[in-house]
C-alpha atoms as a PDB file:
ATOM      1  CA  MET A   1    -259.962 -50.792  70.192  1.00  0.00           C
ATOM      2  CA  PHE A   2    -259.626 -54.191  69.297  1.00  0.00           C
ATOM      3  CA  PHE A   3    -256.153 -56.323  69.838  1.00  0.00           C
ATOM      4  CA  LYS A   4    -255.595 -56.368  65.731  1.00  0.00           C
ATOM      5  CA  ASP A   5    -256.236 -52.558  65.561  1.00  0.00           C
ATOM      6  CA  LYS A   6    -253.719 -51.796  69.047  1.00  0.00           C
ATOM      7  CA  LEU A   7    -250.940 -54.380  67.411  1.00  0.00           C
ATOM      8  CA  ALA A   8    -251.057 -52.718  64.011  1.00  0.00           C
ATOM      9  CA  THR A   9    -251.100 -49.038  65.394  1.00  0.00           C
ATOM     10  CA  THR A  10    -248.649 -49.640  67.971  1.00  0.00           C
ATOM     11  CA  ARG A  11    -246.254 -51.392  65.558  1.00  0.00           C
ATOM     12  CA  LYS A  12    -246.519 -48.503  63.183  1.00  0.00           C
ATOM     13  CA  GLU A  13    -245.833 -46.015  66.175  1.00  0.00           C
ATOM     14  CA  LEU A  14    -242.740 -47.650  66.762  1.00  0.00           C
ATOM     15  CA  ASN A  15    -241.662 -47.650  62.942  1.00  0.00           C
ATOM     16  CA  LEU A  16    -241.704 -51.330  62.987  1.00  0.00           C
ATOM     17  CA  THR A  17    -242.435 -53.083  59.715  1.00  0.00           C
ATOM     18  CA  GLN A  18    -244.404 -56.334  60.009  1.00  0.00           C
ATOM     19  CA  LYS A  19    -240.782 -58.304  58.973  1.00  0.00           C
ATOM     20  CA  ASP A  20    -239.355 -56.442  61.757  1.00  0.00           C
ATOM     21  CA  LEU A  21    -241.799 -57.459  64.422  1.00  0.00           C
ATOM     22  CA  ALA A  22    -241.896 -61.095  63.191  1.00  0.00           C
ATOM     23  CA  GLU A  23    -238.280 -61.224  63.321  1.00  0.00           C
ATOM     24  CA  LYS A  24    -238.194 -60.219  67.091  1.00  0.00           C
ATOM     25  CA  LEU A  25    -240.825 -62.656  67.847  1.00  0.00           C
ATOM     26  CA  ASN A  26    -239.508 -65.521  65.782  1.00  0.00           C
ATOM     27  CA  VAL A  27    -242.419 -65.990  63.615  1.00  0.00           C
ATOM     28  CA  SER A  28    -242.975 -65.316  59.932  1.00  0.00           C
ATOM     29  CA  ASN A  29    -244.399 -61.660  58.757  1.00  0.00           C
ATOM     30  CA  LYS A  30    -247.487 -63.571  57.682  1.00  0.00           C
ATOM     31  CA  THR A  31    -248.314 -64.676  60.955  1.00  0.00           C
ATOM     32  CA  ILE A  32    -247.876 -60.812  62.096  1.00  0.00           C
ATOM     33  CA  SER A  33    -250.201 -59.966  58.912  1.00  0.00           C
ATOM     34  CA  LYS A  34    -252.860 -62.760  60.031  1.00  0.00           C
ATOM     35  CA  TRP A  35    -252.903 -60.949  63.828  1.00  0.00           C
ATOM     36  CA  GLU A  36    -253.591 -57.850  62.131  1.00  0.00           C
ATOM     37  CA  ASN A  37    -256.441 -58.831  60.279  1.00  0.00           C
ATOM     38  CA  GLY A  38    -257.794 -60.721  63.155  1.00  0.00           C
ATOM     39  CA  GLY A  39    -257.504 -63.845  61.437  1.00  0.00           C
ATOM     40  CA  SER A  40    -255.676 -65.559  64.290  1.00  0.00           C
ATOM     41  CA  TYR A  41    -254.288 -64.718  67.619  1.00  0.00           C
ATOM     42  CA  PRO A  42    -250.794 -65.195  69.260  1.00  0.00           C
ATOM     43  CA  ASP A  43    -250.407 -67.561  71.807  1.00  0.00           C
ATOM     44  CA  LEU A  44    -249.927 -66.714  75.629  1.00  0.00           C
ATOM     45  CA  PRO A  45    -246.170 -67.095  75.739  1.00  0.00           C
ATOM     46  CA  ILE A  46    -245.623 -64.803  72.548  1.00  0.00           C
ATOM     47  CA  LEU A  47    -248.182 -62.159  73.698  1.00  0.00           C
ATOM     48  CA  THR A  48    -246.150 -61.797  76.841  1.00  0.00           C
ATOM     49  CA  LYS A  49    -242.934 -61.243  74.386  1.00  0.00           C
ATOM     50  CA  LEU A  50    -245.282 -59.233  72.102  1.00  0.00           C
ATOM     51  CA  ALA A  51    -246.278 -56.760  74.749  1.00  0.00           C
ATOM     52  CA  LYS A  52    -242.955 -56.146  75.865  1.00  0.00           C
ATOM     53  CA  VAL A  53    -241.344 -55.347  72.009  1.00  0.00           C
ATOM     54  CA  LEU A  54    -244.067 -53.084  71.752  1.00  0.00           C
ATOM     55  CA  GLU A  55    -243.213 -51.492  74.866  1.00  0.00           C
ATOM     56  CA  ILE A  56    -246.887 -51.942  76.174  1.00  0.00           C
ATOM     57  CA  ASN A  57    -248.794 -53.369  78.865  1.00  0.00           C
ATOM     58  CA  LEU A  58    -250.217 -57.012  78.380  1.00  0.00           C
ATOM     59  CA  ASN A  59    -253.454 -55.647  79.861  1.00  0.00           C
ATOM     60  CA  GLU A  60    -253.343 -52.695  77.733  1.00  0.00           C
ATOM     61  CA  LEU A  61    -253.141 -54.768  74.419  1.00  0.00           C
ATOM     62  CA  LEU A  62    -255.752 -57.218  75.105  1.00  0.00           C
ATOM     63  CA  VAL A  63    -258.553 -55.102  76.832  1.00  0.00           C
ATOM     64  CA  GLU A  64    -260.878 -54.148  74.065  1.00  0.00           C
ATOM     65  CA  ASN A  65    -261.841 -50.347  74.348  1.00  0.00           C
END
């Protein structure tokens, strides 16, 4: 599974909207949408925070399987 798919799936499992996640990360919901569509990727400091918010190991979030 690719990063974008893990992000969307995990977010939905936690019943978070893109807007909810964006607010927790202090980014726009358009940014979350771009990540989930594969148009861009978060910077490393955001990735760490993202993994924490999604309650997932950073390695698990990034490694494609």
